Amino acid sequence: MAIKVEILGSGCARCKQTAKIMEIASKELGIEADIVKVEDINEIIERGVISTPAVAINGKIVLSGKIPSLDEAKKLLKT
């Protein structure tokens, strides 16, 4: 079963970079991940995100306000 990875942000370059890193990390780990971009500012605010890009895995915010390194992305996916 695939895990759901959401990238929350306005769709800026930082958000796109974060999505790419999460995609690479999931492929390298052999984890099936559905990567979804959430660009609706109201939804982002409702979920308590103050700074973007943010990453949510299976609905839980696990990173906010920075682009993860590839190693950080892999650690987030493993937990």
PDB file of N, CA and C in Angstrom:
ATOM      1  N   MET A   1       0.837  -1.192   0.000  1.00  0.00           N
ATOM      2  CA  MET A   1       0.000   0.000   0.000  1.00  0.00           C
ATOM      3  C   MET A   1       0.879   1.253   0.000  1.00  0.00           C
ATOM      4  N   ALA A   2       0.527   2.200  -0.834  1.00  0.00           N
ATOM      5  CA  ALA A   2       1.309   3.432  -0.954  1.00  0.00           C
ATOM      6  C   ALA A   2       1.057   4.346   0.234  1.00  0.00           C
ATOM      7  N   ILE A   3       2.104   5.065   0.628  1.00  0.00           N
ATOM      8  CA  ILE A   3       1.914   6.095   1.643  1.00  0.00           C
ATOM      9  C   ILE A   3       1.578   7.396   0.923  1.00  0.00           C
ATOM     10  N   LYS A   4       0.857   8.265   1.608  1.00  0.00           N
ATOM     11  CA  LYS A   4       0.463   9.542   1.018  1.00  0.00           C
ATOM     12  C   LYS A   4       1.414  10.618   1.506  1.00  0.00           C
ATOM     13  N   VAL A   5       2.098  11.253   0.561  1.00  0.00           N
ATOM     14  CA  VAL A   5       3.026  12.338   0.877  1.00  0.00           C
ATOM     15  C   VAL A   5       2.442  13.607   0.262  1.00  0.00           C
ATOM     16  N   GLU A   6       2.177  14.584   1.114  1.00  0.00           N
ATOM     17  CA  GLU A   6       1.637  15.856   0.631  1.00  0.00           C
ATOM     18  C   GLU A   6       2.687  16.949   0.773  1.00  0.00           C
ATOM     19  N   ILE A   7       2.840  17.729  -0.273  1.00  0.00           N
ATOM     20  CA  ILE A   7       3.732  18.888  -0.244  1.00  0.00           C
ATOM     21  C   ILE A   7       2.811  20.103  -0.160  1.00  0.00           C
ATOM     22  N   LEU A   8       2.874  20.820   0.949  1.00  0.00           N
ATOM     23  CA  LEU A   8       2.008  21.984   1.162  1.00  0.00           C
ATOM     24  C   LEU A   8       2.792  23.251   0.870  1.00  0.00           C
ATOM     25  N   GLY A   9       2.262  24.052  -0.040  1.00  0.00           N
ATOM     26  CA  GLY A   9       2.915  25.308  -0.385  1.00  0.00           C
ATOM     27  C   GLY A   9       2.257  25.926  -1.600  1.00  0.00           C
ATOM     28  N   SER A  10       2.715  27.094  -1.976  1.00  0.00           N
ATOM     29  CA  SER A  10       2.078  27.867  -3.043  1.00  0.00           C
ATOM     30  C   SER A  10       2.409  27.364  -4.436  1.00  0.00           C
ATOM     31  N   GLY A  11       3.277  26.380  -4.545  1.00  0.00           N
ATOM     32  CA  GLY A  11       3.691  25.909  -5.860  1.00  0.00           C
ATOM     33  C   GLY A  11       4.961  26.596  -6.329  1.00  0.00           C
ATOM     34  N   CYS A  12       5.654  27.242  -5.410  1.00  0.00           N
ATOM     35  CA  CYS A  12       6.889  27.960  -5.716  1.00  0.00           C
ATOM     36  C   CYS A  12       8.030  26.972  -6.009  1.00  0.00           C
ATOM     37  N   ALA A  13       9.173  27.494  -6.395  1.00  0.00           N
ATOM     38  CA  ALA A  13      10.330  26.668  -6.726  1.00  0.00           C
ATOM     39  C   ALA A  13      10.754  25.800  -5.533  1.00  0.00           C
ATOM     40  N   ARG A  14      10.678  26.353  -4.321  1.00  0.00           N
ATOM     41  CA  ARG A  14      11.056  25.588  -3.120  1.00  0.00           C
ATOM     42  C   ARG A  14      10.127  24.393  -2.909  1.00  0.00           C
ATOM     43  N   CYS A  15       8.842  24.603  -3.201  1.00  0.00           N
ATOM     44  CA  CYS A  15       7.861  23.518  -3.060  1.00  0.00           C
ATOM     45  C   CYS A  15       8.115  22.433  -4.100  1.00  0.00           C
ATOM     46  N   LYS A  16       8.415  22.847  -5.319  1.00  0.00           N
ATOM     47  CA  LYS A  16       8.696  21.889  -6.393  1.00  0.00           C
ATOM     48  C   LYS A  16       9.953  21.091  -6.079  1.00  0.00           C
ATOM     49  N   GLN A  17      10.970  21.754  -5.525  1.00  0.00           N
ATOM     50  CA  GLN A  17      12.214  21.081  -5.142  1.00  0.00           C
ATOM     51  C   GLN A  17      11.937  20.050  -4.045  1.00  0.00           C
ATOM     52  N   THR A  18      11.114  20.429  -3.077  1.00  0.00           N
ATOM     53  CA  THR A  18      10.759  19.515  -1.988  1.00  0.00           C
ATOM     54  C   THR A  18      10.043  18.286  -2.542  1.00  0.00           C
ATOM     55  N   ALA A  19       9.111  18.488  -3.458  1.00  0.00           N
ATOM     56  CA  ALA A  19       8.382  17.364  -4.071  1.00  0.00           C
ATOM     57  C   ALA A  19       9.350  16.434  -4.795  1.00  0.00           C
ATOM     58  N   LYS A  20      10.299  17.005  -5.528  1.00  0.00           N
ATOM     59  CA  LYS A  20      11.271  16.208  -6.280  1.00  0.00           C
ATOM     60  C   LYS A  20      12.130  15.372  -5.328  1.00  0.00           C
ATOM     61  N   ILE A  21      12.596  15.989  -4.238  1.00  0.00           N
ATOM     62  CA  ILE A  21      13.429  15.273  -3.270  1.00  0.00           C
ATOM     63  C   ILE A  21      12.647  14.121  -2.631  1.00  0.00           C
ATOM     64  N   MET A  22      11.404  14.370  -2.271  1.00  0.00           N
ATOM     65  CA  MET A  22      10.587  13.312  -1.669  1.00  0.00           C
ATOM     66  C   MET A  22      10.366  12.161  -2.662  1.00  0.00           C
ATOM     67  N   GLU A  23      10.210  12.515  -3.943  1.00  0.00           N
ATOM     68  CA  GLU A  23      10.021  11.504  -4.986  1.00  0.00           C
ATOM     69  C   GLU A  23      11.287  10.649  -5.146  1.00  0.00           C
ATOM     70  N   ILE A  24      12.437  11.301  -5.191  1.00  0.00           N
ATOM     71  CA  ILE A  24      13.712  10.582  -5.317  1.00  0.00           C
ATOM     72  C   ILE A  24      13.925   9.679  -4.107  1.00  0.00           C
ATOM     73  N   ALA A  25      13.677  10.194  -2.915  1.00  0.00           N
ATOM     74  CA  ALA A  25      13.869   9.420  -1.683  1.00  0.00           C
ATOM     75  C   ALA A  25      12.991   8.176  -1.677  1.00  0.00           C
ATOM     76  N   SER A  26      11.731   8.329  -2.073  1.00  0.00           N
ATOM     77  CA  SER A  26      10.828   7.170  -2.055  1.00  0.00           C
ATOM     78  C   SER A  26      11.279   6.118  -3.065  1.00  0.00           C
ATOM     79  N   LYS A  27      11.748   6.557  -4.226  1.00  0.00           N
ATOM     80  CA  LYS A  27      12.232   5.611  -5.244  1.00  0.00           C
ATOM     81  C   LYS A  27      13.474   4.878  -4.745  1.00  0.00           C
ATOM     82  N   GLU A  28      14.408   5.618  -4.144  1.00  0.00           N
ATOM     83  CA  GLU A  28      15.648   5.001  -3.661  1.00  0.00           C
ATOM     84  C   GLU A  28      15.386   4.002  -2.536  1.00  0.00           C
ATOM     85  N   LEU A  29      14.362   4.268  -1.732  1.00  0.00           N
ATOM     86  CA  LEU A  29      14.016   3.361  -0.630  1.00  0.00           C
ATOM     87  C   LEU A  29      13.098   2.225  -1.079  1.00  0.00           C
ATOM     88  N   GLY A  30      12.584   2.329  -2.302  1.00  0.00           N
ATOM     89  CA  GLY A  30      11.648   1.321  -2.790  1.00  0.00           C
ATOM     90  C   GLY A  30      10.296   1.415  -2.110  1.00  0.00           C
ATOM     91  N   ILE A  31       9.946   2.635  -1.673  1.00  0.00           N
ATOM     92  CA  ILE A  31       8.657   2.866  -1.009  1.00  0.00           C
ATOM     93  C   ILE A  31       7.690   3.446  -2.042  1.00  0.00           C
ATOM     94  N   GLU A  32       6.516   2.843  -2.123  1.00  0.00           N
ATOM     95  CA  GLU A  32       5.492   3.356  -3.031  1.00  0.00           C
ATOM     96  C   GLU A  32       4.832   4.559  -2.356  1.00  0.00           C
ATOM     97  N   ALA A  33       4.940   5.713  -2.992  1.00  0.00           N
ATOM     98  CA  ALA A  33       4.397   6.935  -2.397  1.00  0.00           C
ATOM     99  C   ALA A  33       3.566   7.703  -3.416  1.00  0.00           C
ATOM    100  N   ASP A  34       2.390   8.136  -2.986  1.00  0.00           N
ATOM    101  CA  ASP A  34       1.570   9.040  -3.792  1.00  0.00           C
ATOM    102  C   ASP A  34       1.938  10.449  -3.352  1.00  0.00           C
ATOM    103  N   ILE A  35       2.594  11.186  -4.239  1.00  0.00           N
ATOM    104  CA  ILE A  35       3.022  12.535  -3.887  1.00  0.00           C
ATOM    105  C   ILE A  35       2.009  13.522  -4.457  1.00  0.00           C
ATOM    106  N   VAL A  36       1.406  14.286  -3.542  1.00  0.00           N
ATOM    107  CA  VAL A  36       0.329  15.208  -3.884  1.00  0.00           C
ATOM    108  C   VAL A  36       0.746  16.619  -3.478  1.00  0.00           C
ATOM    109  N   LYS A  37       0.479  17.578  -4.354  1.00  0.00           N
ATOM    110  CA  LYS A  37       0.764  18.975  -4.010  1.00  0.00           C
ATOM    111  C   LYS A  37      -0.517  19.624  -3.500  1.00  0.00           C
ATOM    112  N   VAL A  38      -0.417  20.278  -2.354  1.00  0.00           N
ATOM    113  CA  VAL A  38      -1.548  21.004  -1.773  1.00  0.00           C
ATOM    114  C   VAL A  38      -1.199  22.490  -1.871  1.00  0.00           C
ATOM    115  N   GLU A  39      -1.908  23.193  -2.769  1.00  0.00           N
ATOM    116  CA  GLU A  39      -1.596  24.606  -3.002  1.00  0.00           C
ATOM    117  C   GLU A  39      -2.689  25.548  -2.524  1.00  0.00           C
ATOM    118  N   ASP A  40      -3.772  25.002  -1.980  1.00  0.00           N
ATOM    119  CA  ASP A  40      -4.881  25.825  -1.472  1.00  0.00           C
ATOM    120  C   ASP A  40      -4.455  26.453  -0.149  1.00  0.00           C
ATOM    121  N   ILE A  41      -4.253  27.768  -0.162  1.00  0.00           N
ATOM    122  CA  ILE A  41      -3.733  28.473   1.015  1.00  0.00           C
ATOM    123  C   ILE A  41      -4.638  28.297   2.227  1.00  0.00           C
ATOM    124  N   ASN A  42      -5.945  28.241   2.026  1.00  0.00           N
ATOM    125  CA  ASN A  42      -6.857  28.050   3.154  1.00  0.00           C
ATOM    126  C   ASN A  42      -6.666  26.685   3.805  1.00  0.00           C
ATOM    127  N   GLU A  43      -6.489  25.659   2.985  1.00  0.00           N
ATOM    128  CA  GLU A  43      -6.247  24.323   3.532  1.00  0.00           C
ATOM    129  C   GLU A  43      -4.916  24.269   4.272  1.00  0.00           C
ATOM    130  N   ILE A  44      -3.904  24.924   3.719  1.00  0.00           N
ATOM    131  CA  ILE A  44      -2.582  24.947   4.350  1.00  0.00           C
ATOM    132  C   ILE A  44      -2.687  25.597   5.738  1.00  0.00           C
ATOM    133  N   ILE A  45      -3.392  26.724   5.819  1.00  0.00           N
ATOM    134  CA  ILE A  45      -3.564  27.434   7.093  1.00  0.00           C
ATOM    135  C   ILE A  45      -4.372  26.577   8.073  1.00  0.00           C
ATOM    136  N   GLU A  46      -5.453  25.967   7.586  1.00  0.00           N
ATOM    137  CA  GLU A  46      -6.295  25.114   8.440  1.00  0.00           C
ATOM    138  C   GLU A  46      -5.499  23.971   9.064  1.00  0.00           C
ATOM    139  N   ARG A  47      -4.486  23.517   8.352  1.00  0.00           N
ATOM    140  CA  ARG A  47      -3.681  22.397   8.854  1.00  0.00           C
ATOM    141  C   ARG A  47      -2.558  22.866   9.773  1.00  0.00           C
ATOM    142  N   GLY A  48      -2.521  24.160  10.052  1.00  0.00           N
ATOM    143  CA  GLY A  48      -1.577  24.688  11.036  1.00  0.00           C
ATOM    144  C   GLY A  48      -0.186  24.966  10.506  1.00  0.00           C
ATOM    145  N   VAL A  49      -0.037  25.005   9.193  1.00  0.00           N
ATOM    146  CA  VAL A  49       1.286  25.273   8.611  1.00  0.00           C
ATOM    147  C   VAL A  49       1.502  26.780   8.563  1.00  0.00           C
ATOM    148  N   ILE A  50       2.611  27.213   9.159  1.00  0.00           N
ATOM    149  CA  ILE A  50       2.925  28.636   9.199  1.00  0.00           C
ATOM    150  C   ILE A  50       3.930  28.987   8.110  1.00  0.00           C
ATOM    151  N   SER A  51       4.916  28.114   7.891  1.00  0.00           N
ATOM    152  CA  SER A  51       5.895  28.388   6.843  1.00  0.00           C
ATOM    153  C   SER A  51       6.005  27.200   5.898  1.00  0.00           C
ATOM    154  N   THR A  52       6.140  27.533   4.629  1.00  0.00           N
ATOM    155  CA  THR A  52       6.210  26.510   3.588  1.00  0.00           C
ATOM    156  C   THR A  52       7.612  26.503   2.979  1.00  0.00           C
ATOM    157  N   PRO A  53       8.006  25.470   2.309  1.00  0.00           N
ATOM    158  CA  PRO A  53       7.229  24.265   2.046  1.00  0.00           C
ATOM    159  C   PRO A  53       7.080  23.408   3.296  1.00  0.00           C
ATOM    160  N   ALA A  54       6.004  22.647   3.326  1.00  0.00           N
ATOM    161  CA  ALA A  54       5.778  21.699   4.415  1.00  0.00           C
ATOM    162  C   ALA A  54       5.499  20.333   3.799  1.00  0.00           C
ATOM    163  N   VAL A  55       5.806  19.299   4.576  1.00  0.00           N
ATOM    164  CA  VAL A  55       5.573  17.925   4.121  1.00  0.00           C
ATOM    165  C   VAL A  55       4.683  17.225   5.133  1.00  0.00           C
ATOM    166  N   ALA A  56       3.640  16.570   4.628  1.00  0.00           N
ATOM    167  CA  ALA A  56       2.774  15.743   5.476  1.00  0.00           C
ATOM    168  C   ALA A  56       2.856  14.314   4.952  1.00  0.00           C
ATOM    169  N   ILE A  57       2.997  13.368   5.865  1.00  0.00           N
ATOM    170  CA  ILE A  57       2.997  11.954   5.496  1.00  0.00           C
ATOM    171  C   ILE A  57       1.803  11.308   6.174  1.00  0.00           C
ATOM    172  N   ASN A  58       0.937  10.716   5.343  1.00  0.00           N
ATOM    173  CA  ASN A  58      -0.310  10.108   5.820  1.00  0.00           C
ATOM    174  C   ASN A  58      -1.089  11.075   6.723  1.00  0.00           C
ATOM    175  N   GLY A  59      -1.130  12.344   6.313  1.00  0.00           N
ATOM    176  CA  GLY A  59      -1.937  13.343   7.014  1.00  0.00           C
ATOM    177  C   GLY A  59      -1.263  14.072   8.150  1.00  0.00           C
ATOM    178  N   LYS A  60      -0.050  13.642   8.538  1.00  0.00           N
ATOM    179  CA  LYS A  60       0.645  14.278   9.670  1.00  0.00           C
ATOM    180  C   LYS A  60       1.778  15.161   9.158  1.00  0.00           C
ATOM    181  N   ILE A  61       1.783  16.431   9.601  1.00  0.00           N
ATOM    182  CA  ILE A  61       2.858  17.349   9.200  1.00  0.00           C
ATOM    183  C   ILE A  61       4.154  16.880   9.864  1.00  0.00           C
ATOM    184  N   VAL A  62       5.178  16.617   9.040  1.00  0.00           N
ATOM    185  CA  VAL A  62       6.446  16.122   9.575  1.00  0.00           C
ATOM    186  C   VAL A  62       7.605  17.082   9.327  1.00  0.00           C
ATOM    187  N   LEU A  63       7.377  18.094   8.496  1.00  0.00           N
ATOM    188  CA  LEU A  63       8.432  19.061   8.196  1.00  0.00           C
ATOM    189  C   LEU A  63       7.777  20.349   7.736  1.00  0.00           C
ATOM    190  N   SER A  64       8.322  21.480   8.177  1.00  0.00           N
ATOM    191  CA  SER A  64       7.744  22.762   7.778  1.00  0.00           C
ATOM    192  C   SER A  64       8.830  23.825   7.684  1.00  0.00           C
ATOM    193  N   GLY A  65       8.755  24.635   6.637  1.00  0.00           N
ATOM    194  CA  GLY A  65       9.622  25.797   6.522  1.00  0.00           C
ATOM    195  C   GLY A  65      10.985  25.566   5.916  1.00  0.00           C
ATOM    196  N   LYS A  66      11.232  24.358   5.381  1.00  0.00           N
ATOM    197  CA  LYS A  66      12.526  24.135   4.754  1.00  0.00           C
ATOM    198  C   LYS A  66      12.456  23.018   3.730  1.00  0.00           C
ATOM    199  N   ILE A  67      13.445  23.012   2.856  1.00  0.00           N
ATOM    200  CA  ILE A  67      13.572  21.943   1.870  1.00  0.00           C
ATOM    201  C   ILE A  67      14.408  20.849   2.523  1.00  0.00           C
ATOM    202  N   PRO A  68      13.902  19.617   2.560  1.00  0.00           N
ATOM    203  CA  PRO A  68      14.686  18.552   3.193  1.00  0.00           C
ATOM    204  C   PRO A  68      15.858  18.123   2.312  1.00  0.00           C
ATOM    205  N   SER A  69      16.929  17.664   2.955  1.00  0.00           N
ATOM    206  CA  SER A  69      17.998  17.028   2.182  1.00  0.00           C
ATOM    207  C   SER A  69      17.478  15.650   1.796  1.00  0.00           C
ATOM    208  N   LEU A  70      18.179  14.969   0.914  1.00  0.00           N
ATOM    209  CA  LEU A  70      17.757  13.626   0.516  1.00  0.00           C
ATOM    210  C   LEU A  70      17.763  12.687   1.723  1.00  0.00           C
ATOM    211  N   ASP A  71      18.782  12.809   2.574  1.00  0.00           N
ATOM    212  CA  ASP A  71      18.841  11.967   3.781  1.00  0.00           C
ATOM    213  C   ASP A  71      17.684  12.256   4.717  1.00  0.00           C
ATOM    214  N   GLU A  72      17.355  13.541   4.909  1.00  0.00           N
ATOM    215  CA  GLU A  72      16.223  13.899   5.772  1.00  0.00           C
ATOM    216  C   GLU A  72      14.922  13.323   5.206  1.00  0.00           C
ATOM    217  N   ALA A  73      14.753  13.428   3.887  1.00  0.00           N
ATOM    218  CA  ALA A  73      13.549  12.910   3.237  1.00  0.00           C
ATOM    219  C   ALA A  73      13.410  11.415   3.471  1.00  0.00           C
ATOM    220  N   LYS A  74      14.527  10.697   3.359  1.00  0.00           N
ATOM    221  CA  LYS A  74      14.500   9.241   3.579  1.00  0.00           C
ATOM    222  C   LYS A  74      14.116   8.919   5.014  1.00  0.00           C
ATOM    223  N   LYS A  75      14.657   9.671   5.971  1.00  0.00           N
ATOM    224  CA  LYS A  75      14.319   9.438   7.392  1.00  0.00           C
ATOM    225  C   LYS A  75      12.836   9.686   7.618  1.00  0.00           C
ATOM    226  N   LEU A  76      12.284  10.740   7.019  1.00  0.00           N
ATOM    227  CA  LEU A  76      10.865  11.039   7.186  1.00  0.00           C
ATOM    228  C   LEU A  76      10.002   9.909   6.627  1.00  0.00           C
ATOM    229  N   LEU A  77      10.395   9.369   5.486  1.00  0.00           N
ATOM    230  CA  LEU A  77       9.628   8.302   4.850  1.00  0.00           C
ATOM    231  C   LEU A  77       9.686   6.995   5.639  1.00  0.00           C
ATOM    232  N   LYS A  78      10.795   6.772   6.332  1.00  0.00           N
ATOM    233  CA  LYS A  78      10.960   5.519   7.093  1.00  0.00           C
ATOM    234  C   LYS A  78      10.135   5.490   8.374  1.00  0.00           C
ATOM    235  N   THR A  79       9.800   6.667   8.922  1.00  0.00           N
ATOM    236  CA  THR A  79       9.094   6.695  10.206  1.00  0.00           C
ATOM    237  C   THR A  79       7.598   6.553  10.037  1.00  0.00           C
TER     238      THR A  79
END
